[in-house]
Amino acid sequence: MADRFRYLVVEGPIGVGKTSLARKLAQEFGSELLLEKPGGNPFLADFYKNPRQYALSTQLHFLLQRAQQVQDFGQTDMFRSAYIADFMVDKDRLFARMTLSSDELALYEQIYAHLTLNAPRPDLVIYLQAPLATLRERITHRGIGYEQQIRDDYLLRLSESYTRFFHDYDDSALLTVNTQSVDLINNADDYQAILEKINGIHCGRHYFNQSSFAL
């Protein structure tokens, strides 16, 4: 994997399991792990209580944090190490467009364009999908306090935003994974199946779901 994918990203909506899979793949392939840090955003808990008041501060903090992480990573020697991340900077705009007013979004877009000008592009993106009920169940199960305040309508709009974004995404190889009926973390057969799928990818768009390996 490391010979073809120096920079692999696992993405998807809140609760879909991207961090767990990124950790497991990094261990599998001996890659460096690059994780976003939602717990380090001092505005996030207040945002879920009062989205209108804290939207801009929350989003700018995330943008600055993610852009700095990617810039630091981009300055390393990518020929010596492979990297697996649980976020891509591009996804920051999905949240911004959902939560910011038109004037705030105009300001945000100017800052975004400046901070991400030279951001490295992934070689492969693994996009994890799950229906609303599954996302809600996983969020409840992991028990992070502020996440329990996320409304279903927000979570649904976020999932739909991801779907639209990746429908047109062509900046790298893309593997879309339906996680509703697979357990990539605890089921060894499911995990091995996705490893085989990843190892067979060279470019283009690919799909992985229950039927893709049940035949």
C-alpha atoms as a PDB file:
ATOM      1  CA  MET A   1       0.000   0.000   0.000  1.00  0.00           C
ATOM      2  CA  ALA A   2       2.710   2.476   0.991  1.00  0.00           C
ATOM      3  CA  ASP A   3       4.330   2.206  -2.437  1.00  0.00           C
ATOM      4  CA  ARG A   4       1.171   3.525  -4.160  1.00  0.00           C
ATOM      5  CA  PHE A   5      -0.627   5.523  -1.475  1.00  0.00           C
ATOM      6  CA  ARG A   6       1.724   7.849   0.363  1.00  0.00           C
ATOM      7  CA  TYR A   7      -1.243   9.841   1.671  1.00  0.00           C
ATOM      8  CA  LEU A   8      -4.517   8.041   2.415  1.00  0.00           C
ATOM      9  CA  VAL A   9      -7.558   9.719   3.974  1.00  0.00           C
ATOM     10  CA  VAL A  10     -10.584   8.144   5.679  1.00  0.00           C
ATOM     11  CA  GLU A  11     -13.583  10.491   5.604  1.00  0.00           C
ATOM     12  CA  GLY A  12     -17.290  10.576   6.366  1.00  0.00           C
ATOM     13  CA  PRO A  13     -19.897  12.170   8.633  1.00  0.00           C
ATOM     14  CA  ILE A  14     -19.780  12.315  12.424  1.00  0.00           C
ATOM     15  CA  GLY A  15     -20.056   8.878  14.006  1.00  0.00           C
ATOM     16  CA  VAL A  16     -19.364   6.822  10.884  1.00  0.00           C
ATOM     17  CA  GLY A  17     -16.119   5.349  12.266  1.00  0.00           C
ATOM     18  CA  LYS A  18     -13.412   7.113  10.292  1.00  0.00           C
ATOM     19  CA  THR A  19     -10.954   7.550  13.182  1.00  0.00           C
ATOM     20  CA  SER A  20     -11.160   3.897  14.223  1.00  0.00           C
ATOM     21  CA  LEU A  21     -10.517   2.723  10.665  1.00  0.00           C
ATOM     22  CA  ALA A  22      -7.692   5.222  10.145  1.00  0.00           C
ATOM     23  CA  ARG A  23      -5.993   3.961  13.321  1.00  0.00           C
ATOM     24  CA  LYS A  24      -6.341   0.337  12.249  1.00  0.00           C
ATOM     25  CA  LEU A  25      -5.057   0.951   8.732  1.00  0.00           C
ATOM     26  CA  ALA A  26      -2.111   2.973  10.015  1.00  0.00           C
ATOM     27  CA  GLN A  27      -1.140   0.085  12.267  1.00  0.00           C
ATOM     28  CA  GLU A  28      -1.661  -2.403   9.437  1.00  0.00           C
ATOM     29  CA  PHE A  29       0.537  -0.548   6.966  1.00  0.00           C
ATOM     30  CA  GLY A  30       3.040   0.977   9.398  1.00  0.00           C
ATOM     31  CA  SER A  31       1.989   4.485   8.357  1.00  0.00           C
ATOM     32  CA  GLU A  32       2.137   7.746  10.254  1.00  0.00           C
ATOM     33  CA  LEU A  33      -1.248   8.717  11.691  1.00  0.00           C
ATOM     34  CA  LEU A  34      -2.712  12.198  11.271  1.00  0.00           C
ATOM     35  CA  LEU A  35      -5.869  12.792  13.329  1.00  0.00           C
ATOM     36  CA  GLU A  36      -8.094  15.835  13.636  1.00  0.00           C
ATOM     37  CA  LYS A  37      -8.623  17.142  17.149  1.00  0.00           C
ATOM     38  CA  PRO A  38     -12.240  18.083  17.788  1.00  0.00           C
ATOM     39  CA  GLY A  39     -11.646  17.990  21.530  1.00  0.00           C
ATOM     40  CA  GLY A  40      -9.156  20.831  21.111  1.00  0.00           C
ATOM     41  CA  ASN A  41     -11.777  23.222  19.739  1.00  0.00           C
ATOM     42  CA  PRO A  42     -12.918  25.378  22.694  1.00  0.00           C
ATOM     43  CA  PHE A  43     -16.050  26.527  20.818  1.00  0.00           C
ATOM     44  CA  LEU A  44     -17.431  23.142  19.778  1.00  0.00           C
ATOM     45  CA  ALA A  45     -19.512  22.267  22.833  1.00  0.00           C
ATOM     46  CA  ASP A  46     -21.074  25.745  22.801  1.00  0.00           C
ATOM     47  CA  PHE A  47     -21.767  25.407  19.075  1.00  0.00           C
ATOM     48  CA  TYR A  48     -23.986  22.386  19.614  1.00  0.00           C
ATOM     49  CA  LYS A  49     -25.898  24.330  22.267  1.00  0.00           C
ATOM     50  CA  ASN A  50     -26.166  27.544  20.233  1.00  0.00           C
ATOM     51  CA  PRO A  51     -25.147  26.990  16.591  1.00  0.00           C
ATOM     52  CA  ARG A  52     -25.965  30.484  15.358  1.00  0.00           C
ATOM     53  CA  GLN A  53     -23.828  32.274  17.951  1.00  0.00           C
ATOM     54  CA  TYR A  54     -20.771  30.024  17.775  1.00  0.00           C
ATOM     55  CA  ALA A  55     -20.758  28.890  14.140  1.00  0.00           C
ATOM     56  CA  LEU A  56     -18.071  31.245  12.835  1.00  0.00           C
ATOM     57  CA  SER A  57     -15.659  30.880  15.752  1.00  0.00           C
ATOM     58  CA  THR A  58     -16.057  27.108  15.696  1.00  0.00           C
ATOM     59  CA  GLN A  59     -15.477  26.872  11.971  1.00  0.00           C
ATOM     60  CA  LEU A  60     -12.476  29.189  11.858  1.00  0.00           C
ATOM     61  CA  HIS A  61     -10.825  27.311  14.697  1.00  0.00           C
ATOM     62  CA  PHE A  62     -11.269  24.028  12.842  1.00  0.00           C
ATOM     63  CA  LEU A  63     -10.015  25.543   9.601  1.00  0.00           C
ATOM     64  CA  LEU A  64      -6.871  26.947  11.198  1.00  0.00           C
ATOM     65  CA  GLN A  65      -6.232  23.689  13.041  1.00  0.00           C
ATOM     66  CA  ARG A  66      -6.723  21.422  10.028  1.00  0.00           C
ATOM     67  CA  ALA A  67      -4.782  23.659   7.655  1.00  0.00           C
ATOM     68  CA  GLN A  68      -1.830  23.793  10.062  1.00  0.00           C
ATOM     69  CA  GLN A  69      -1.808  20.016  10.464  1.00  0.00           C
ATOM     70  CA  VAL A  70      -1.827  19.468   6.714  1.00  0.00           C
ATOM     71  CA  GLN A  71       0.804  22.151   6.109  1.00  0.00           C
ATOM     72  CA  ASP A  72       3.095  20.577   8.706  1.00  0.00           C
ATOM     73  CA  PHE A  73       2.556  17.188   7.118  1.00  0.00           C
ATOM     74  CA  GLY A  74       3.131  18.573   3.625  1.00  0.00           C
ATOM     75  CA  GLN A  75       6.538  19.900   4.663  1.00  0.00           C
ATOM     76  CA  THR A  76       7.737  16.437   5.717  1.00  0.00           C
ATOM     77  CA  ASP A  77       9.506  14.018   3.420  1.00  0.00           C
ATOM     78  CA  MET A  78       6.579  12.103   1.897  1.00  0.00           C
ATOM     79  CA  PHE A  79       9.028   9.767   0.200  1.00  0.00           C
ATOM     80  CA  ARG A  80      10.221   8.433   3.562  1.00  0.00           C
ATOM     81  CA  SER A  81       6.855   7.895   5.268  1.00  0.00           C
ATOM     82  CA  ALA A  82       3.274   7.124   4.311  1.00  0.00           C
ATOM     83  CA  TYR A  83       0.441   8.941   6.097  1.00  0.00           C
ATOM     84  CA  ILE A  84      -3.123   8.021   6.955  1.00  0.00           C
ATOM     85  CA  ALA A  85      -5.492  10.753   8.145  1.00  0.00           C
ATOM     86  CA  ASP A  86      -9.058  10.817   9.438  1.00  0.00           C
ATOM     87  CA  PHE A  87      -9.839  14.133   7.738  1.00  0.00           C
ATOM     88  CA  MET A  88      -9.253  16.124   4.583  1.00  0.00           C
ATOM     89  CA  VAL A  89      -9.163  19.905   4.612  1.00  0.00           C
ATOM     90  CA  ASP A  90     -11.731  20.058   1.805  1.00  0.00           C
ATOM     91  CA  LYS A  91     -14.448  18.772   4.147  1.00  0.00           C
ATOM     92  CA  ASP A  92     -14.156  21.890   6.286  1.00  0.00           C
ATOM     93  CA  ARG A  93     -16.199  23.774   3.712  1.00  0.00           C
ATOM     94  CA  LEU A  94     -19.080  21.309   4.017  1.00  0.00           C
ATOM     95  CA  PHE A  95     -19.594  22.352   7.616  1.00  0.00           C
ATOM     96  CA  ALA A  96     -19.052  26.037   6.842  1.00  0.00           C
ATOM     97  CA  ARG A  97     -21.701  26.083   4.137  1.00  0.00           C
ATOM     98  CA  MET A  98     -24.194  24.467   6.498  1.00  0.00           C
ATOM     99  CA  THR A  99     -23.667  26.753   9.474  1.00  0.00           C
ATOM    100  CA  LEU A 100     -22.460  30.197   8.361  1.00  0.00           C
ATOM    101  CA  SER A 101     -24.437  33.194   7.153  1.00  0.00           C
ATOM    102  CA  SER A 102     -23.684  34.539   3.675  1.00  0.00           C
ATOM    103  CA  ASP A 103     -21.402  37.303   4.987  1.00  0.00           C
ATOM    104  CA  GLU A 104     -19.599  34.914   7.323  1.00  0.00           C
ATOM    105  CA  LEU A 105     -19.183  32.397   4.537  1.00  0.00           C
ATOM    106  CA  ALA A 106     -17.658  35.032   2.239  1.00  0.00           C
ATOM    107  CA  LEU A 107     -15.074  35.832   4.922  1.00  0.00           C
ATOM    108  CA  TYR A 108     -14.471  32.158   5.590  1.00  0.00           C
ATOM    109  CA  GLU A 109     -13.918  31.404   1.886  1.00  0.00           C
ATOM    110  CA  GLN A 110     -11.224  34.088   1.638  1.00  0.00           C
ATOM    111  CA  ILE A 111      -9.369  32.625   4.605  1.00  0.00           C
ATOM    112  CA  TYR A 112      -9.858  29.084   3.326  1.00  0.00           C
ATOM    113  CA  ALA A 113      -8.401  29.910  -0.087  1.00  0.00           C
ATOM    114  CA  HIS A 114      -5.317  31.454   1.521  1.00  0.00           C
ATOM    115  CA  LEU A 115      -4.675  28.659   4.021  1.00  0.00           C
ATOM    116  CA  THR A 116      -5.169  25.736   1.659  1.00  0.00           C
ATOM    117  CA  LEU A 117      -3.370  27.057  -1.401  1.00  0.00           C
ATOM    118  CA  ASN A 118      -0.599  24.446  -1.278  1.00  0.00           C
ATOM    119  CA  ALA A 119      -2.337  21.694   0.651  1.00  0.00           C
ATOM    120  CA  PRO A 120      -1.246  18.208  -0.501  1.00  0.00           C
ATOM    121  CA  ARG A 121      -3.847  16.019  -2.199  1.00  0.00           C
ATOM    122  CA  PRO A 122      -4.535  12.471  -1.013  1.00  0.00           C
ATOM    123  CA  ASP A 123      -3.640   9.528  -3.220  1.00  0.00           C
ATOM    124  CA  LEU A 124      -6.707   7.628  -1.990  1.00  0.00           C
ATOM    125  CA  VAL A 125      -9.813   8.706  -0.081  1.00  0.00           C
ATOM    126  CA  ILE A 126     -11.956   6.110   1.692  1.00  0.00           C
ATOM    127  CA  TYR A 127     -15.411   7.627   2.118  1.00  0.00           C
ATOM    128  CA  LEU A 128     -17.490   5.882   4.792  1.00  0.00           C
ATOM    129  CA  GLN A 129     -21.282   6.054   4.558  1.00  0.00           C
ATOM    130  CA  ALA A 130     -24.034   5.052   6.990  1.00  0.00           C
ATOM    131  CA  PRO A 131     -27.744   5.886   7.341  1.00  0.00           C
ATOM    132  CA  LEU A 132     -28.914   8.327   9.983  1.00  0.00           C
ATOM    133  CA  ALA A 133     -30.061   5.632  12.427  1.00  0.00           C
ATOM    134  CA  THR A 134     -26.645   3.961  12.324  1.00  0.00           C
ATOM    135  CA  LEU A 135     -24.808   7.245  12.853  1.00  0.00           C
ATOM    136  CA  ARG A 136     -27.056   8.099  15.793  1.00  0.00           C
ATOM    137  CA  GLU A 137     -26.514   4.681  17.357  1.00  0.00           C
ATOM    138  CA  ARG A 138     -22.724   4.972  17.059  1.00  0.00           C
ATOM    139  CA  ILE A 139     -22.674   8.508  18.442  1.00  0.00           C
ATOM    140  CA  THR A 140     -24.750   7.407  21.417  1.00  0.00           C
ATOM    141  CA  HIS A 141     -22.565   4.359  21.987  1.00  0.00           C
ATOM    142  CA  ARG A 142     -19.273   6.249  22.106  1.00  0.00           C
ATOM    143  CA  GLY A 143     -20.729   8.655  24.641  1.00  0.00           C
ATOM    144  CA  ILE A 144     -18.920  11.921  23.919  1.00  0.00           C
ATOM    145  CA  GLY A 145     -20.902  14.476  25.889  1.00  0.00           C
ATOM    146  CA  TYR A 146     -21.255  17.357  23.440  1.00  0.00           C
ATOM    147  CA  GLU A 147     -22.023  14.984  20.551  1.00  0.00           C
ATOM    148  CA  GLN A 148     -25.204  13.837  22.283  1.00  0.00           C
ATOM    149  CA  GLN A 149     -26.641  17.298  21.567  1.00  0.00           C
ATOM    150  CA  ILE A 150     -26.295  16.900  17.785  1.00  0.00           C
ATOM    151  CA  ARG A 151     -29.740  17.079  16.230  1.00  0.00           C
ATOM    152  CA  ASP A 152     -30.892  14.490  13.728  1.00  0.00           C
ATOM    153  CA  ASP A 153     -31.712  17.131  11.112  1.00  0.00           C
ATOM    154  CA  TYR A 154     -28.162  18.496  11.330  1.00  0.00           C
ATOM    155  CA  LEU A 155     -26.679  15.006  11.055  1.00  0.00           C
ATOM    156  CA  LEU A 156     -28.874  14.217   8.066  1.00  0.00           C
ATOM    157  CA  ARG A 157     -27.955  17.441   6.263  1.00  0.00           C
ATOM    158  CA  LEU A 158     -24.288  16.722   6.939  1.00  0.00           C
ATOM    159  CA  SER A 159     -24.555  13.222   5.491  1.00  0.00           C
ATOM    160  CA  GLU A 160     -26.274  14.605   2.412  1.00  0.00           C
ATOM    161  CA  SER A 161     -23.522  17.221   2.026  1.00  0.00           C
ATOM    162  CA  TYR A 162     -20.899  14.482   2.067  1.00  0.00           C
ATOM    163  CA  THR A 163     -22.857  12.535  -0.547  1.00  0.00           C
ATOM    164  CA  ARG A 164     -23.023  15.535  -2.877  1.00  0.00           C
ATOM    165  CA  PHE A 165     -19.356  16.357  -2.346  1.00  0.00           C
ATOM    166  CA  PHE A 166     -18.078  12.887  -3.174  1.00  0.00           C
ATOM    167  CA  HIS A 167     -20.483  12.478  -6.074  1.00  0.00           C
ATOM    168  CA  ASP A 168     -18.352  14.976  -7.981  1.00  0.00           C
ATOM    169  CA  TYR A 169     -14.991  14.301  -6.320  1.00  0.00           C
ATOM    170  CA  ASP A 170     -12.182  13.380  -8.720  1.00  0.00           C
ATOM    171  CA  ASP A 171      -8.995  14.752  -7.154  1.00  0.00           C
ATOM    172  CA  SER A 172      -7.788  11.280  -6.172  1.00  0.00           C
ATOM    173  CA  ALA A 173      -8.776   7.634  -6.201  1.00  0.00           C
ATOM    174  CA  LEU A 174     -11.999   7.187  -4.221  1.00  0.00           C
ATOM    175  CA  LEU A 175     -13.375   4.153  -2.394  1.00  0.00           C
ATOM    176  CA  THR A 176     -16.949   4.557  -1.140  1.00  0.00           C
ATOM    177  CA  VAL A 177     -17.837   2.153   1.677  1.00  0.00           C
ATOM    178  CA  ASN A 178     -21.334   1.376   2.940  1.00  0.00           C
ATOM    179  CA  THR A 179     -20.707   0.634   6.622  1.00  0.00           C
ATOM    180  CA  GLN A 180     -24.294  -0.174   7.609  1.00  0.00           C
ATOM    181  CA  SER A 181     -23.891  -3.928   7.351  1.00  0.00           C
ATOM    182  CA  VAL A 182     -20.144  -4.357   7.828  1.00  0.00           C
ATOM    183  CA  ASP A 183     -17.920  -4.047  10.898  1.00  0.00           C
ATOM    184  CA  LEU A 184     -14.493  -3.024   9.676  1.00  0.00           C
ATOM    185  CA  ILE A 185     -13.067  -2.806  13.190  1.00  0.00           C
ATOM    186  CA  ASN A 186     -14.291  -5.921  14.989  1.00  0.00           C
ATOM    187  CA  ASN A 187     -15.069  -8.364  12.180  1.00  0.00           C
ATOM    188  CA  ALA A 188     -11.898  -9.916  10.770  1.00  0.00           C
ATOM    189  CA  ASP A 189     -13.570 -11.063   7.534  1.00  0.00           C
ATOM    190  CA  ASP A 190     -14.950  -7.587   6.812  1.00  0.00           C
ATOM    191  CA  TYR A 191     -11.582  -6.014   7.543  1.00  0.00           C
ATOM    192  CA  GLN A 192      -9.676  -8.430   5.320  1.00  0.00           C
ATOM    193  CA  ALA A 193     -12.191  -7.834   2.539  1.00  0.00           C
ATOM    194  CA  ILE A 194     -11.594  -4.095   2.563  1.00  0.00           C
ATOM    195  CA  LEU A 195      -7.825  -4.598   2.694  1.00  0.00           C
ATOM    196  CA  GLU A 196      -8.069  -6.682  -0.470  1.00  0.00           C
ATOM    197  CA  LYS A 197     -10.207  -3.989  -2.055  1.00  0.00           C
ATOM    198  CA  ILE A 198      -7.706  -1.252  -1.157  1.00  0.00           C
ATOM    199  CA  ASN A 199      -4.771  -3.275  -2.462  1.00  0.00           C
ATOM    200  CA  GLY A 200      -6.525  -3.665  -5.821  1.00  0.00           C
ATOM    201  CA  ILE A 201      -7.071   0.072  -6.342  1.00  0.00           C
ATOM    202  CA  HIS A 202      -4.835   2.109  -8.601  1.00  0.00           C
ATOM    203  CA  CYS A 203      -7.064   5.012  -9.659  1.00  0.00           C
ATOM    204  CA  GLY A 204     -10.682   5.940 -10.309  1.00  0.00           C
ATOM    205  CA  ARG A 205     -13.872   5.348  -8.307  1.00  0.00           C
ATOM    206  CA  HIS A 206     -14.607   2.144  -6.423  1.00  0.00           C
ATOM    207  CA  TYR A 207     -17.364   0.818  -4.149  1.00  0.00           C
ATOM    208  CA  PHE A 208     -17.412  -1.577  -1.219  1.00  0.00           C
ATOM    209  CA  ASN A 209     -20.531  -2.938   0.459  1.00  0.00           C
ATOM    210  CA  GLN A 210     -21.949  -6.202   1.737  1.00  0.00           C
ATOM    211  CA  SER A 211     -22.815  -7.525  -1.712  1.00  0.00           C
ATOM    212  CA  SER A 212     -19.364  -6.677  -3.076  1.00  0.00           C
ATOM    213  CA  PHE A 213     -17.786  -9.588  -1.212  1.00  0.00           C
ATOM    214  CA  ALA A 214     -20.740 -11.810  -0.307  1.00  0.00           C
ATOM    215  CA  LEU A 215     -20.886 -13.358  -3.787  1.00  0.00           C
END
